Amino acid sequence: MNRKTYIDYMRAFAILLVIAGHANAFNDPVKTWIYSFHMPLFFMISGLTLSEKKLSLKLVEKKVRVLLVPYIVWGLLYSSLTPGNVVKICYGSYRSIASAGSLTSLWFLPTMFIAYFISQILIKIRKSVLRLLFVIGVFLVGCYLPEIKEGYPWCINIGFIAATFIFAGYLIKELTDKRWSLGIMIAGTMIGAAGTWMYHLNSVNVKSYILMASGRIGNSAWFVISSLCGFIFIYFFSKIVEYYLPGNEIISHLGQNTMTVFLINKPILQILEDVLNRVAVKNEIRLILAVCITAIVACLISKVINVFLPAAVGKKV
């Protein structure tokens, strides 16, 4: 299947949002806005490349290589290697990963593994009404499973919610391939961006900010609306960038290596935060510098990892 430039661009801008969301020293209050839609955005982008597959051992092995091998490798790498921590990482909930002292962002990988196979089941349902009922049911199960102290293994409750976003991306993937006029792309970007600011209506329902990893999504309806608006915003913005910068190698490389950037951005940010805090500029400038430098450094490191340790980031050896 030929790569679609706008999807690489969407992934690139989505990972920049992730980096900005992790730059805790400089990102208040933009973090609350980013967290209101950035993880559903990733799941919906995954849906744009989803195709129906026969459920087989070969497919499971592929997803283990792409998602679970990096999860285990980096989960153990970021944690101190004790038997207790190994068990916590294998359990795979957001809270257990945090308790192991590992990289909490890693929750995304086992969740994506679960969500992928749930979404494969959903797309195999042929009758539209029955499929809709199943999608709604899956979403509600994810939202209303009773909370347990250590969280669900592999964040399976979030996997149900994530699967519905993947499925949503799958449903509209033919529409997203369409060529739009520049006017429509600009209007779509503005409408989507404006819609994301409805997160304020959901902020009263959460203690601080949306944290999908722990199931803290506030009002489920507002969460879905904000997420869809975030997708519309990034989709049309990416199409505009593709219009003016078709085949840009820098953006494409970032979009094609989001796994590596996702796995290593936090340590880079920690170093940069110490440095940038000594620079006499506004926090907004520090945030922009932190995001740009982190992305550049992570992309350079990705070139090394892709050659010498591809399995660590889910790529074929």
Foldseek 3Di string as FASTA:
>chain_A
DDDDQLLLLLLLVLLLLVLLLLLVVQNPPVNQLSLLASLLLVLLSLLLPDDQDDDDPVVLVLLCLQFVLLQLVQLPVQFPDDPQLSVLSQQQALQSSVVRRGDSLSLSRLLVSLLNVVLSVLVVDDDPVVSVVVLVVLLVQLQDVDDDDRAGGSNNSLSSNSNSSSNVSNVCSVVLVDDDDLVVLVVQLVQLVVQSVCVVVQCVQADHHADSSRSRNGPPVSSVSNNVSPNSNSSSVSSNCCVVPPPDPLSSLSSVQSLQLSSPLNVQSVVLSVVCVPPPDHSVVSSVVSSVVSSVVSSVVVVVCVVPPVSSNSDDD
